[in-house]
Amino acid sequence: MVVKLFAAGTTHGAADEARLLAAVTAAGRVRVPVVIGHGPVPGLTVSALVTADAGTSTLGRAVRAGQIPRPAALLRLALLMAAFHSTKAPPGVPLAPGIGQQVSALATHCPKQLFVRLAPALEVIAAGARVERLVWCHGDLHLENVVREDDLRLTSGEHGRLRLPDYLVDFEAATIEVPEYDLAQTLVTCDALEPSDRVFMAAAYGRPVDARLLDAYVAFQAVRGWTYAAHREGRDRDAWAARLHLALSPHPGRTVL
């Protein structure tokens, strides 16, 4: 079993995650851990979600151990993302803040000289906000949030739909946005920021992707990640500095942000 704790007063608690996992399970598109139970922890200001143990071999661990090539792992992320995007968000489950709230918060915490550099990307993002393209985004789909099965054969989910055997975990950042929002977050957190990485992930995703909008979201996700992780919390400063450089640097054939 796995016990996951949620602080009291947060917008996403144990009950919310349990309802979310139930909705994903019912849709049958991707595998998620089975919920055993959830509720407040007596004597503490936290709630707990108890799920079946899906294992500890994440895609990231498999890549580091040489068990799976990095391109193959990125391919699985793109396929899992496409499958999750085909699932409808359950009514009544709180979502993480959308892009508007995220931009407002970022303007408060990001150094002004960096936020100014982001302005062209934000204009592209605003122009690309079309209701008909909105999907349920995981919000943090990287190599450590996919638990890998040793058996790589497709499995049958609800309604007989075939699905990948890997388990998707950690849904606190789930929100409603355009697909490029999720793709960009994955590209940034997986250090897949070369032009060839973007083309590969967009192709593997298998659905229409706006390349200019994707570039804009890559810039936004990199600035947002650097601001909160490196600038405010002092975490992984070198990694985030490298991501920021690649995300904001012009490349041939790409819109300069």
Protein backbone atom coordinates (compact mmCIF):
# COMPACT_ATOMS: atom_id res chain seq x y z
CA MET A 1 0.00 0.00 0.00
CA VAL A 2 0.95 3.63 -0.52
CA VAL A 3 -0.24 6.38 1.84
CA LYS A 4 -0.25 9.91 0.45
CA LEU A 5 -0.86 12.84 2.82
CA PHE A 6 -2.54 16.13 1.93
CA ALA A 7 -2.32 19.25 4.08
CA ALA A 8 -5.59 20.64 5.40
CA GLY A 9 -6.94 23.72 3.69
CA THR A 10 -5.41 22.99 0.28
CA THR A 11 -7.53 23.11 -2.86
CA HIS A 12 -6.71 19.48 -3.67
CA GLY A 13 -7.21 16.98 -0.86
CA ALA A 14 -7.36 13.22 -0.44
CA ALA A 15 -11.07 13.06 -1.31
CA ASP A 16 -10.47 15.09 -4.47
CA GLU A 17 -7.65 12.83 -5.61
CA ALA A 18 -9.77 9.75 -4.87
CA ARG A 19 -12.63 11.07 -7.05
CA LEU A 20 -10.16 11.99 -9.75
CA LEU A 21 -8.60 8.51 -9.75
CA ALA A 22 -12.06 6.94 -9.88
CA ALA A 23 -12.95 9.04 -12.94
CA VAL A 24 -9.73 8.12 -14.73
CA THR A 25 -10.27 4.45 -13.92
CA ALA A 26 -13.84 4.55 -15.21
CA ALA A 27 -12.73 6.17 -18.48
CA GLY A 28 -10.32 3.29 -19.04
CA ARG A 29 -7.80 5.30 -21.06
CA VAL A 30 -4.83 5.16 -18.66
CA ARG A 31 -3.94 3.09 -15.60
CA VAL A 32 -3.84 4.71 -12.17
CA PRO A 33 -3.32 3.19 -8.70
CA VAL A 34 -6.38 1.52 -7.17
CA VAL A 35 -7.90 3.52 -4.32
CA ILE A 36 -8.25 1.56 -1.07
CA GLY A 37 -9.56 4.37 1.10
CA HIS A 38 -9.23 8.02 2.09
CA GLY A 39 -10.15 10.37 4.93
CA PRO A 40 -8.87 12.70 7.67
CA VAL A 41 -6.05 11.50 9.91
CA PRO A 42 -7.17 11.63 13.57
CA GLY A 43 -5.19 14.13 15.61
CA LEU A 44 -3.49 15.70 12.60
CA THR A 45 -4.41 18.48 10.20
CA VAL A 46 -3.95 16.27 7.15
CA SER A 47 -6.03 13.87 5.10
CA ALA A 48 -4.73 10.59 3.72
CA LEU A 49 -5.25 8.69 0.49
CA VAL A 50 -4.44 4.99 0.56
CA THR A 51 -3.82 3.25 -2.77
CA ALA A 52 -2.48 -0.06 -3.94
CA ASP A 53 1.27 -0.02 -4.54
CA ALA A 54 1.90 0.37 -8.28
CA GLY A 55 5.65 -0.17 -7.80
CA THR A 56 8.76 1.98 -7.64
CA SER A 57 10.24 1.62 -11.13
CA THR A 58 9.47 4.97 -12.71
CA LEU A 59 10.27 5.77 -16.32
CA GLY A 60 13.00 8.08 -15.03
CA ARG A 61 14.62 5.30 -13.02
CA ALA A 62 14.42 2.96 -16.01
CA VAL A 63 16.14 5.54 -18.25
CA ARG A 64 18.93 6.12 -15.71
CA ALA A 65 19.47 2.37 -15.37
CA GLY A 66 19.71 1.92 -19.13
CA GLN A 67 16.62 -0.28 -19.21
CA ILE A 68 14.80 1.92 -21.71
CA PRO A 69 16.16 4.51 -24.17
CA ARG A 70 15.24 8.11 -23.43
CA PRO A 71 13.37 8.57 -26.75
CA ALA A 72 11.26 5.51 -25.96
CA ALA A 73 10.42 6.96 -22.54
CA LEU A 74 9.42 10.29 -24.09
CA LEU A 75 7.27 8.41 -26.58
CA ARG A 76 5.42 6.69 -23.73
CA LEU A 77 4.87 10.05 -22.03
CA ALA A 78 3.37 11.48 -25.22
CA LEU A 79 1.08 8.47 -25.67
CA LEU A 80 -0.04 8.58 -22.03
CA MET A 81 -0.70 12.30 -22.35
CA ALA A 82 -2.84 11.83 -25.45
CA ALA A 83 -4.81 9.12 -23.67
CA PHE A 84 -5.32 11.27 -20.57
CA HIS A 85 -6.40 14.24 -22.68
CA SER A 86 -9.23 12.11 -24.08
CA THR A 87 -10.66 11.74 -20.56
CA LYS A 88 -13.21 14.28 -19.32
CA ALA A 89 -12.57 16.00 -16.00
CA PRO A 90 -15.03 14.78 -13.35
CA PRO A 91 -17.52 17.43 -12.17
CA GLY A 92 -16.98 18.78 -8.69
CA VAL A 93 -13.26 18.02 -8.44
CA PRO A 94 -11.21 21.17 -7.78
CA LEU A 95 -8.71 21.97 -10.51
CA ALA A 96 -5.33 23.62 -10.22
CA PRO A 97 -5.29 27.30 -11.24
CA GLY A 98 -5.55 27.90 -14.97
CA ILE A 99 -3.19 29.95 -17.11
CA GLY A 100 -4.76 33.30 -16.17
CA GLN A 101 -4.25 32.78 -12.44
CA GLN A 102 -0.79 31.33 -13.06
CA VAL A 103 0.31 34.39 -15.03
CA SER A 104 -1.01 36.72 -12.31
CA ALA A 105 0.88 34.81 -9.62
CA LEU A 106 4.02 34.68 -11.74
CA ALA A 107 3.93 38.46 -12.25
CA THR A 108 4.13 38.84 -8.47
CA HIS A 109 7.06 36.50 -7.88
CA CYS A 110 9.13 36.59 -11.08
CA PRO A 111 11.95 39.16 -11.41
CA LYS A 112 10.60 41.99 -13.55
CA GLN A 113 13.39 41.90 -16.13
CA LEU A 114 12.64 38.22 -16.80
CA PHE A 115 8.88 38.66 -16.83
CA VAL A 116 9.26 41.38 -19.47
CA ARG A 117 11.11 38.88 -21.69
CA LEU A 118 8.12 36.57 -21.37
CA ALA A 119 5.64 39.15 -22.70
CA PRO A 120 5.76 38.03 -26.38
CA ALA A 121 5.07 34.43 -25.32
CA LEU A 122 2.13 35.52 -23.19
CA GLU A 123 0.66 37.35 -26.17
CA VAL A 124 0.86 34.15 -28.25
CA ILE A 125 -0.73 32.17 -25.40
CA ALA A 126 -3.60 34.66 -25.07
CA ALA A 127 -4.26 34.52 -28.81
CA GLY A 128 -4.27 30.71 -28.76
CA ALA A 129 -6.86 30.34 -25.97
CA ARG A 130 -9.70 28.62 -27.81
CA VAL A 131 -12.43 26.91 -25.78
CA GLU A 132 -12.94 24.12 -28.31
CA ARG A 133 -9.33 22.95 -27.83
CA LEU A 134 -9.40 22.70 -24.04
CA VAL A 135 -8.56 19.31 -22.52
CA TRP A 136 -8.01 17.88 -19.06
CA CYS A 137 -4.27 18.31 -18.49
CA HIS A 138 -2.22 16.33 -15.99
CA GLY A 139 -0.10 19.41 -15.36
CA ASP A 140 3.09 17.64 -14.25
CA LEU A 141 3.62 14.66 -16.53
CA HIS A 142 7.33 13.87 -16.31
CA LEU A 143 9.42 10.68 -16.13
CA GLU A 144 9.07 10.31 -12.35
CA ASN A 145 5.26 10.49 -12.44
CA VAL A 146 4.91 7.36 -14.54
CA VAL A 147 5.39 4.00 -12.83
CA ARG A 148 6.68 1.52 -15.36
CA GLU A 149 5.46 -2.05 -15.76
CA ASP A 150 8.02 -4.71 -16.71
CA ASP A 151 5.45 -6.23 -19.07
CA LEU A 152 5.21 -3.69 -21.90
CA ARG A 153 2.22 -5.29 -23.62
CA LEU A 154 -0.98 -3.28 -23.97
CA THR A 155 -3.70 -4.05 -21.42
CA SER A 156 -7.48 -3.87 -21.65
CA GLY A 157 -9.22 -1.19 -19.60
CA GLU A 158 -12.87 -0.35 -19.04
CA HIS A 159 -15.11 -0.90 -22.08
CA GLY A 160 -12.40 -3.11 -23.60
CA ARG A 161 -10.18 -0.20 -24.65
CA LEU A 162 -6.49 -0.99 -25.08
CA ARG A 163 -4.12 1.10 -22.98
CA LEU A 164 -0.46 1.29 -22.01
CA PRO A 165 0.52 -0.81 -18.97
CA ASP A 166 2.23 2.08 -17.14
CA TYR A 167 0.62 3.81 -14.15
CA LEU A 168 0.10 7.58 -14.07
CA VAL A 169 0.43 9.21 -10.62
CA ASP A 170 0.34 12.60 -8.85
CA PHE A 171 -2.56 14.71 -10.10
CA GLU A 172 -2.32 17.79 -7.87
CA ALA A 173 -1.51 20.01 -10.87
CA ALA A 174 -4.38 18.74 -13.06
CA THR A 175 -6.23 21.56 -14.78
CA ILE A 176 -8.13 22.46 -17.95
CA GLU A 177 -5.95 23.97 -20.68
CA VAL A 178 -4.95 23.53 -24.32
CA PRO A 179 -2.75 20.48 -25.10
CA GLU A 180 0.33 22.63 -25.67
CA TYR A 181 0.27 23.59 -21.97
CA ASP A 182 0.81 19.97 -20.92
CA LEU A 183 3.27 19.17 -23.70
CA ALA A 184 5.38 22.18 -22.76
CA GLN A 185 5.51 21.24 -19.09
CA THR A 186 6.69 17.75 -20.04
CA LEU A 187 9.34 19.10 -22.42
CA VAL A 188 10.68 21.46 -19.76
CA THR A 189 10.73 19.03 -16.82
CA CYS A 190 12.22 16.25 -18.96
CA ASP A 191 14.97 18.53 -20.31
CA ALA A 192 13.71 17.85 -23.83
CA LEU A 193 14.11 21.39 -25.12
CA GLU A 194 16.05 21.01 -28.35
CA PRO A 195 14.02 21.69 -31.52
CA SER A 196 14.20 18.00 -32.42
CA ASP A 197 12.72 17.08 -29.02
CA ARG A 198 9.75 19.37 -29.60
CA VAL A 199 9.10 17.94 -33.06
CA PHE A 200 9.41 14.37 -31.75
CA MET A 201 7.03 14.88 -28.81
CA ALA A 202 4.47 16.70 -30.93
CA ALA A 203 4.53 13.90 -33.51
CA ALA A 204 4.31 11.19 -30.83
CA TYR A 205 1.35 12.96 -29.23
CA GLY A 206 -0.54 12.17 -32.42
CA ARG A 207 -2.97 15.08 -32.38
CA PRO A 208 -2.81 18.56 -33.91
CA VAL A 209 -0.25 20.75 -32.14
CA ASP A 210 0.31 24.46 -32.75
CA ALA A 211 4.12 24.75 -32.92
CA ARG A 212 4.18 28.50 -32.20
CA LEU A 213 1.85 28.07 -29.24
CA LEU A 214 3.97 25.18 -27.98
CA ASP A 215 7.10 27.35 -28.09
CA ALA A 216 5.28 30.06 -26.15
CA TYR A 217 4.14 27.61 -23.48
CA VAL A 218 7.66 26.16 -23.24
CA ALA A 219 8.94 29.65 -22.44
CA PHE A 220 6.17 30.18 -19.89
CA GLN A 221 6.67 26.81 -18.16
CA ALA A 222 10.43 27.31 -17.98
CA VAL A 223 10.11 30.79 -16.48
CA ARG A 224 7.44 29.60 -14.04
CA GLY A 225 9.51 26.59 -12.97
CA TRP A 226 12.68 28.64 -12.56
CA THR A 227 10.84 31.30 -10.55
CA TYR A 228 9.34 28.93 -8.00
CA ALA A 229 11.97 26.18 -7.81
CA ALA A 230 15.28 27.99 -8.30
CA HIS A 231 14.59 31.66 -7.52
CA ARG A 232 12.22 31.31 -4.55
CA GLU A 233 13.13 27.90 -3.10
CA GLY A 234 16.76 27.56 -4.17
CA ARG A 235 16.25 24.09 -5.66
CA ASP A 236 18.07 22.66 -8.69
CA ARG A 237 19.41 26.05 -9.70
CA ASP A 238 21.81 24.78 -12.37
CA ALA A 239 19.17 22.57 -13.99
CA TRP A 240 16.60 25.35 -14.09
CA ALA A 241 19.13 27.87 -15.40
CA ALA A 242 19.91 25.52 -18.29
CA ARG A 243 16.21 24.99 -19.00
CA LEU A 244 15.57 28.72 -18.93
CA HIS A 245 18.42 29.35 -21.38
CA LEU A 246 17.17 26.75 -23.87
CA ALA A 247 13.54 27.79 -23.54
CA LEU A 248 14.20 31.46 -24.19
CA SER A 249 16.97 31.15 -26.78
CA PRO A 250 15.97 31.61 -30.43
CA HIS A 251 16.38 28.64 -32.78
CA PRO A 252 16.20 28.54 -36.57
CA GLY A 253 12.60 28.33 -37.73
CA ARG A 254 11.20 29.21 -34.30
CA THR A 255 9.50 32.37 -33.20
CA VAL A 256 11.86 34.51 -31.14
CA LEU A 257 10.38 35.09 -27.68
